[in-house]
N, C-alpha and C. Protein backbone atom coordinates (compact mmCIF):
# COMPACT_ATOMS: atom_id res chain seq x y z
N GLU A 1 -24.13 -13.97 9.41
CA GLU A 1 -24.82 -12.74 9.75
C GLU A 1 -24.10 -11.50 9.22
N LEU A 2 -22.78 -11.51 9.22
CA LEU A 2 -22.01 -10.34 8.81
C LEU A 2 -21.70 -10.32 7.31
N TRP A 3 -21.68 -11.48 6.68
CA TRP A 3 -21.20 -11.59 5.30
C TRP A 3 -21.89 -10.60 4.38
N GLU A 4 -21.12 -9.72 3.79
CA GLU A 4 -21.55 -8.68 2.85
C GLU A 4 -22.61 -7.74 3.43
N ARG A 5 -22.68 -7.67 4.76
CA ARG A 5 -23.64 -6.77 5.40
C ARG A 5 -22.97 -5.71 6.25
N LYS A 6 -21.96 -6.12 7.02
CA LYS A 6 -21.28 -5.21 7.93
C LYS A 6 -19.78 -5.49 7.92
N PRO A 7 -18.98 -4.46 8.15
CA PRO A 7 -17.54 -4.73 8.30
C PRO A 7 -17.28 -5.43 9.63
N LEU A 8 -16.24 -6.22 9.66
CA LEU A 8 -15.86 -6.94 10.87
C LEU A 8 -14.46 -6.51 11.27
N LEU A 9 -14.30 -6.03 12.49
CA LEU A 9 -13.00 -5.65 13.02
C LEU A 9 -12.59 -6.69 14.05
N VAL A 10 -11.45 -7.32 13.81
CA VAL A 10 -10.91 -8.30 14.75
C VAL A 10 -9.71 -7.65 15.42
N LYS A 11 -9.83 -7.35 16.71
CA LYS A 11 -8.73 -6.72 17.44
C LYS A 11 -7.81 -7.80 18.00
N ARG A 12 -6.53 -7.60 17.78
CA ARG A 12 -5.52 -8.54 18.28
C ARG A 12 -4.79 -7.88 19.45
N HIS A 13 -4.43 -8.69 20.42
CA HIS A 13 -3.66 -8.19 21.56
C HIS A 13 -2.17 -8.51 21.40
N THR A 14 -1.80 -8.90 20.19
CA THR A 14 -0.42 -9.21 19.87
C THR A 14 0.05 -8.21 18.82
N PRO A 15 0.85 -7.21 19.20
CA PRO A 15 1.26 -6.17 18.25
C PRO A 15 1.98 -6.71 17.01
N ASP A 16 2.66 -7.84 17.14
CA ASP A 16 3.42 -8.39 16.02
C ASP A 16 2.63 -9.39 15.17
N TYR A 17 1.33 -9.48 15.38
CA TYR A 17 0.51 -10.48 14.69
C TYR A 17 0.68 -10.43 13.17
N ASN A 18 0.70 -9.24 12.60
CA ASN A 18 0.79 -9.09 11.15
C ASN A 18 2.20 -8.82 10.64
N ARG A 19 3.17 -8.87 11.52
CA ARG A 19 4.56 -8.60 11.13
C ARG A 19 5.05 -9.66 10.14
N GLY A 20 5.76 -9.21 9.14
CA GLY A 20 6.38 -10.14 8.21
C GLY A 20 5.61 -10.39 6.93
N TRP A 21 4.38 -9.92 6.81
CA TRP A 21 3.63 -10.14 5.58
C TRP A 21 4.14 -9.26 4.46
N PHE A 22 4.43 -8.00 4.79
CA PHE A 22 4.88 -7.05 3.78
C PHE A 22 5.59 -5.92 4.51
N SER A 23 6.64 -5.38 3.92
CA SER A 23 7.41 -4.33 4.58
C SER A 23 7.81 -3.25 3.58
N THR A 24 8.24 -2.12 4.09
CA THR A 24 8.73 -1.07 3.19
C THR A 24 9.99 -1.54 2.47
N ALA A 25 10.79 -2.38 3.11
CA ALA A 25 11.98 -2.92 2.45
C ALA A 25 11.58 -3.79 1.26
N GLU A 26 10.55 -4.60 1.43
CA GLU A 26 10.07 -5.43 0.32
C GLU A 26 9.46 -4.55 -0.78
N PHE A 27 8.73 -3.52 -0.38
CA PHE A 27 8.15 -2.58 -1.34
C PHE A 27 9.26 -1.92 -2.16
N ASP A 28 10.31 -1.48 -1.49
CA ASP A 28 11.44 -0.85 -2.16
C ASP A 28 12.10 -1.83 -3.14
N LYS A 29 12.27 -3.06 -2.72
CA LYS A 29 12.87 -4.09 -3.58
C LYS A 29 12.01 -4.31 -4.83
N ILE A 30 10.69 -4.36 -4.66
CA ILE A 30 9.78 -4.52 -5.80
C ILE A 30 9.92 -3.36 -6.77
N LEU A 31 9.97 -2.15 -6.23
CA LEU A 31 10.11 -0.97 -7.08
C LEU A 31 11.41 -1.00 -7.88
N ARG A 32 12.47 -1.52 -7.27
CA ARG A 32 13.78 -1.55 -7.93
C ARG A 32 13.91 -2.70 -8.94
N GLN A 33 13.21 -3.81 -8.68
CA GLN A 33 13.42 -5.00 -9.52
C GLN A 33 12.31 -5.26 -10.54
N GLU A 34 11.13 -4.72 -10.31
CA GLU A 34 10.00 -4.99 -11.20
C GLU A 34 9.65 -3.76 -12.02
N ASN A 35 8.92 -3.97 -13.08
CA ASN A 35 8.48 -2.88 -13.95
C ASN A 35 7.13 -2.35 -13.45
N ILE A 36 7.16 -1.59 -12.36
CA ILE A 36 5.96 -1.04 -11.74
C ILE A 36 5.61 0.27 -12.46
N GLN A 37 4.41 0.35 -12.99
CA GLN A 37 3.97 1.50 -13.78
C GLN A 37 2.98 2.36 -12.99
N TRP A 38 3.20 3.68 -13.05
CA TRP A 38 2.27 4.63 -12.44
C TRP A 38 0.88 4.46 -13.06
N GLY A 39 -0.14 4.45 -12.24
CA GLY A 39 -1.51 4.37 -12.71
C GLY A 39 -1.96 2.97 -13.11
N VAL A 40 -1.03 2.05 -13.23
CA VAL A 40 -1.35 0.66 -13.56
C VAL A 40 -1.13 -0.21 -12.33
N ASN A 41 0.07 -0.13 -11.76
CA ASN A 41 0.44 -0.91 -10.58
C ASN A 41 0.54 -0.08 -9.32
N LEU A 42 0.68 1.23 -9.46
CA LEU A 42 0.94 2.09 -8.30
C LEU A 42 0.22 3.42 -8.44
N ASP A 43 -0.42 3.84 -7.36
CA ASP A 43 -1.06 5.16 -7.29
C ASP A 43 -0.51 5.91 -6.09
N ALA A 44 -0.26 7.20 -6.27
CA ALA A 44 0.12 8.08 -5.17
C ALA A 44 -1.06 9.01 -4.91
N THR A 45 -1.57 8.99 -3.68
CA THR A 45 -2.76 9.78 -3.36
C THR A 45 -2.62 10.50 -2.03
N SER A 46 -3.40 11.55 -1.91
CA SER A 46 -3.55 12.24 -0.62
C SER A 46 -4.97 12.76 -0.55
N PHE A 47 -5.42 13.05 0.65
CA PHE A 47 -6.72 13.66 0.87
C PHE A 47 -6.50 15.01 1.53
N VAL A 48 -6.99 16.06 0.89
CA VAL A 48 -6.91 17.41 1.42
C VAL A 48 -8.32 17.97 1.41
N ASN A 49 -8.79 18.42 2.58
CA ASN A 49 -10.16 18.93 2.72
C ASN A 49 -11.18 17.93 2.20
N ASP A 50 -11.03 16.67 2.59
CA ASP A 50 -11.94 15.58 2.21
C ASP A 50 -11.99 15.33 0.71
N LYS A 51 -11.00 15.78 -0.02
CA LYS A 51 -10.95 15.56 -1.46
C LYS A 51 -9.71 14.74 -1.80
N ARG A 52 -9.92 13.66 -2.55
CA ARG A 52 -8.79 12.82 -2.95
C ARG A 52 -8.04 13.48 -4.10
N GLU A 53 -6.73 13.51 -3.95
CA GLU A 53 -5.87 14.03 -5.00
C GLU A 53 -4.91 12.91 -5.41
N THR A 54 -4.78 12.72 -6.71
CA THR A 54 -3.87 11.70 -7.24
C THR A 54 -2.63 12.40 -7.78
N HIS A 55 -1.47 11.89 -7.39
CA HIS A 55 -0.20 12.52 -7.73
C HIS A 55 0.64 11.65 -8.67
N ASN A 56 -0.02 10.79 -9.46
CA ASN A 56 0.71 9.87 -10.33
C ASN A 56 1.52 10.60 -11.39
N GLN A 57 2.64 9.99 -11.72
CA GLN A 57 3.42 10.44 -12.86
C GLN A 57 3.14 9.47 -14.01
N THR A 58 3.91 9.51 -15.06
CA THR A 58 3.72 8.57 -16.16
C THR A 58 4.92 7.65 -16.25
N GLY A 59 4.69 6.46 -16.80
CA GLY A 59 5.77 5.52 -17.01
C GLY A 59 6.10 4.69 -15.78
N ARG A 60 7.35 4.23 -15.74
CA ARG A 60 7.79 3.36 -14.66
C ARG A 60 7.98 4.14 -13.37
N ALA A 61 7.58 3.51 -12.27
CA ALA A 61 7.76 4.10 -10.94
C ALA A 61 9.10 3.64 -10.39
N HIS A 62 10.13 4.45 -10.56
CA HIS A 62 11.46 4.13 -10.05
C HIS A 62 11.51 4.44 -8.55
N ALA A 63 12.18 3.58 -7.80
CA ALA A 63 12.22 3.71 -6.34
C ALA A 63 12.60 5.10 -5.85
N PRO A 64 13.68 5.72 -6.35
CA PRO A 64 14.04 7.05 -5.83
C PRO A 64 12.94 8.09 -6.07
N VAL A 65 12.25 7.99 -7.21
CA VAL A 65 11.17 8.94 -7.50
C VAL A 65 10.00 8.72 -6.55
N VAL A 66 9.67 7.45 -6.29
CA VAL A 66 8.56 7.14 -5.38
C VAL A 66 8.86 7.69 -3.99
N TRP A 67 10.08 7.45 -3.49
CA TRP A 67 10.41 7.94 -2.15
C TRP A 67 10.43 9.47 -2.12
N ASP A 68 10.89 10.10 -3.21
CA ASP A 68 10.84 11.57 -3.28
C ASP A 68 9.41 12.06 -3.27
N MET A 69 8.51 11.30 -3.91
CA MET A 69 7.10 11.71 -3.92
C MET A 69 6.50 11.61 -2.52
N TYR A 70 6.93 10.59 -1.75
CA TYR A 70 6.49 10.53 -0.36
C TYR A 70 6.81 11.85 0.33
N GLN A 71 8.06 12.27 0.19
CA GLN A 71 8.48 13.51 0.84
C GLN A 71 7.78 14.70 0.21
N GLY A 72 7.51 14.66 -1.10
CA GLY A 72 6.79 15.73 -1.77
C GLY A 72 5.38 15.88 -1.23
N CYS A 73 4.72 14.76 -0.95
CA CYS A 73 3.38 14.83 -0.36
C CYS A 73 3.45 15.52 0.99
N PHE A 74 4.50 15.21 1.74
CA PHE A 74 4.65 15.86 3.04
C PHE A 74 4.79 17.37 2.87
N LYS A 75 5.64 17.77 1.92
CA LYS A 75 5.89 19.20 1.74
C LYS A 75 4.62 19.92 1.33
N ASP A 76 3.80 19.28 0.48
CA ASP A 76 2.53 19.88 0.07
C ASP A 76 1.62 20.12 1.28
N LEU A 77 1.77 19.27 2.29
CA LEU A 77 0.95 19.40 3.49
C LEU A 77 1.66 20.19 4.59
N GLY A 78 2.83 20.75 4.28
CA GLY A 78 3.58 21.54 5.25
C GLY A 78 4.36 20.70 6.24
N ILE A 79 4.63 19.44 5.89
CA ILE A 79 5.35 18.54 6.79
C ILE A 79 6.62 18.07 6.08
N HIS A 80 7.74 18.12 6.76
CA HIS A 80 8.99 17.64 6.20
C HIS A 80 9.34 16.34 6.91
N ALA A 81 9.02 15.22 6.27
CA ALA A 81 9.14 13.93 6.94
C ALA A 81 10.37 13.17 6.48
N PRO A 82 11.20 12.74 7.42
CA PRO A 82 12.40 11.99 7.05
C PRO A 82 12.13 10.51 6.81
N VAL A 83 11.01 9.99 7.27
CA VAL A 83 10.75 8.57 7.12
C VAL A 83 9.41 8.33 6.45
N VAL A 84 9.29 7.20 5.79
CA VAL A 84 8.12 6.87 4.99
C VAL A 84 6.84 6.81 5.82
N TRP A 85 6.89 6.22 7.00
CA TRP A 85 5.66 6.01 7.75
C TRP A 85 5.01 7.31 8.19
N ASP A 86 5.78 8.38 8.28
CA ASP A 86 5.19 9.68 8.61
C ASP A 86 4.20 10.12 7.54
N MET A 87 4.35 9.61 6.33
CA MET A 87 3.44 9.97 5.25
C MET A 87 2.00 9.61 5.59
N TYR A 88 1.83 8.48 6.22
CA TYR A 88 0.48 8.05 6.56
C TYR A 88 -0.16 9.01 7.56
N GLN A 89 0.61 9.48 8.50
CA GLN A 89 0.10 10.46 9.46
C GLN A 89 -0.23 11.77 8.77
N ALA A 90 0.48 12.07 7.70
CA ALA A 90 0.24 13.31 6.95
C ALA A 90 -0.92 13.17 5.98
N GLY A 91 -1.40 11.94 5.78
CA GLY A 91 -2.53 11.73 4.90
C GLY A 91 -2.18 11.30 3.49
N CYS A 92 -0.91 11.06 3.19
CA CYS A 92 -0.51 10.59 1.86
C CYS A 92 -0.35 9.07 1.89
N SER A 93 -0.56 8.46 0.74
CA SER A 93 -0.34 7.02 0.66
C SER A 93 0.10 6.61 -0.73
N MET A 94 0.81 5.49 -0.78
CA MET A 94 1.17 4.85 -2.03
C MET A 94 0.43 3.53 -2.06
N ARG A 95 -0.34 3.28 -3.12
CA ARG A 95 -1.14 2.07 -3.20
C ARG A 95 -0.57 1.17 -4.28
N LEU A 96 -0.06 0.02 -3.87
CA LEU A 96 0.45 -0.98 -4.80
C LEU A 96 -0.69 -1.94 -5.09
N LEU A 97 -1.11 -2.00 -6.35
CA LEU A 97 -2.21 -2.87 -6.75
C LEU A 97 -1.69 -4.29 -6.96
N ASN A 98 -2.45 -5.26 -6.51
CA ASN A 98 -2.10 -6.68 -6.66
C ASN A 98 -0.69 -7.00 -6.15
N PRO A 99 -0.40 -6.69 -4.90
CA PRO A 99 0.95 -6.97 -4.39
C PRO A 99 1.29 -8.46 -4.39
N GLN A 100 0.26 -9.31 -4.42
CA GLN A 100 0.51 -10.75 -4.45
C GLN A 100 1.25 -11.19 -5.71
N THR A 101 1.22 -10.37 -6.74
CA THR A 101 1.97 -10.65 -7.97
C THR A 101 3.47 -10.61 -7.70
N TYR A 102 3.89 -9.79 -6.76
CA TYR A 102 5.30 -9.54 -6.50
C TYR A 102 5.79 -10.08 -5.16
N SER A 103 4.87 -10.39 -4.25
CA SER A 103 5.23 -10.80 -2.90
C SER A 103 4.69 -12.19 -2.58
N ARG A 104 5.60 -13.12 -2.37
CA ARG A 104 5.18 -14.49 -2.04
C ARG A 104 4.43 -14.53 -0.71
N ASN A 105 4.84 -13.73 0.26
CA ASN A 105 4.15 -13.72 1.56
C ASN A 105 2.70 -13.29 1.41
N VAL A 106 2.45 -12.23 0.67
CA VAL A 106 1.07 -11.77 0.46
C VAL A 106 0.30 -12.82 -0.33
N TRP A 107 0.92 -13.42 -1.32
CA TRP A 107 0.27 -14.47 -2.10
C TRP A 107 -0.17 -15.62 -1.20
N LYS A 108 0.69 -16.04 -0.27
CA LYS A 108 0.36 -17.14 0.64
C LYS A 108 -0.87 -16.81 1.48
N VAL A 109 -0.90 -15.61 2.05
CA VAL A 109 -2.04 -15.20 2.89
C VAL A 109 -3.32 -15.20 2.07
N LEU A 110 -3.27 -14.62 0.88
CA LEU A 110 -4.46 -14.55 0.05
C LEU A 110 -4.92 -15.92 -0.42
N SER A 111 -3.98 -16.82 -0.69
CA SER A 111 -4.37 -18.16 -1.14
C SER A 111 -5.11 -18.91 -0.03
N VAL A 112 -4.68 -18.73 1.22
CA VAL A 112 -5.37 -19.36 2.35
C VAL A 112 -6.77 -18.76 2.51
N LEU A 113 -6.88 -17.43 2.41
CA LEU A 113 -8.19 -16.79 2.52
C LEU A 113 -9.11 -17.23 1.39
N GLN A 114 -8.57 -17.34 0.19
CA GLN A 114 -9.37 -17.75 -0.96
C GLN A 114 -9.89 -19.18 -0.77
N GLU A 115 -9.02 -20.05 -0.30
CA GLU A 115 -9.42 -21.44 -0.05
C GLU A 115 -10.49 -21.50 1.04
N TYR A 116 -10.29 -20.75 2.12
CA TYR A 116 -11.22 -20.78 3.24
C TYR A 116 -12.61 -20.24 2.85
N PHE A 117 -12.63 -19.08 2.17
CA PHE A 117 -13.90 -18.46 1.84
C PHE A 117 -14.51 -18.98 0.53
N GLY A 118 -13.72 -19.68 -0.28
CA GLY A 118 -14.23 -20.24 -1.51
C GLY A 118 -14.57 -19.20 -2.57
N CYS A 119 -13.83 -18.09 -2.56
CA CYS A 119 -14.05 -17.04 -3.55
C CYS A 119 -12.73 -16.31 -3.79
N CYS A 120 -12.69 -15.51 -4.84
CA CYS A 120 -11.48 -14.75 -5.14
C CYS A 120 -11.27 -13.65 -4.10
N VAL A 121 -10.04 -13.44 -3.74
CA VAL A 121 -9.69 -12.35 -2.83
C VAL A 121 -8.52 -11.59 -3.43
N GLY A 122 -8.32 -10.38 -2.97
CA GLY A 122 -7.22 -9.55 -3.46
C GLY A 122 -6.76 -8.61 -2.38
N ALA A 123 -5.74 -7.84 -2.70
CA ALA A 123 -5.18 -6.91 -1.72
C ALA A 123 -4.58 -5.71 -2.42
N ASN A 124 -4.59 -4.61 -1.75
CA ASN A 124 -3.84 -3.42 -2.12
C ASN A 124 -2.96 -3.07 -0.93
N MET A 125 -1.76 -2.59 -1.18
CA MET A 125 -0.87 -2.17 -0.10
C MET A 125 -0.62 -0.70 -0.22
C-alpha cells in the first residue's frame, strides 16, 4: 500500500537503535584517508530564506577545510558553533555521496536492504 506512494516513518523507542552505523569520527577518517572531491563526493549546503545555497570549493575536500566550512556556515548564519552537530541546528549540512564506498557499516546495511527489497538502494550522509 505504501510502496512508492507515501513516506513511511518508523518510530523507535530505543535511542541507540541507529548508533554505530556512521559517525563524525568515521567521516573525519574518510576525509583524511580518501580522495574526497568537492562537488563529486561531497557537497556543503545551507538553506537561508527557503533557498538552498551550495558552498562547495574545488578539488579535494581536506578534513581541516571541511571542519572550517562547518564553522563558516555557522558564522554566515550568525552562530559561532564549537561542535559539528550544532551545524544541523543552524541549517548547514555536509552531504557525503555514496558513503557505502568508504564505510563498511553503511555498505552492510544497504546490502541487507537491497537483498530484502530486491532493488538497488543508496545513501547520502
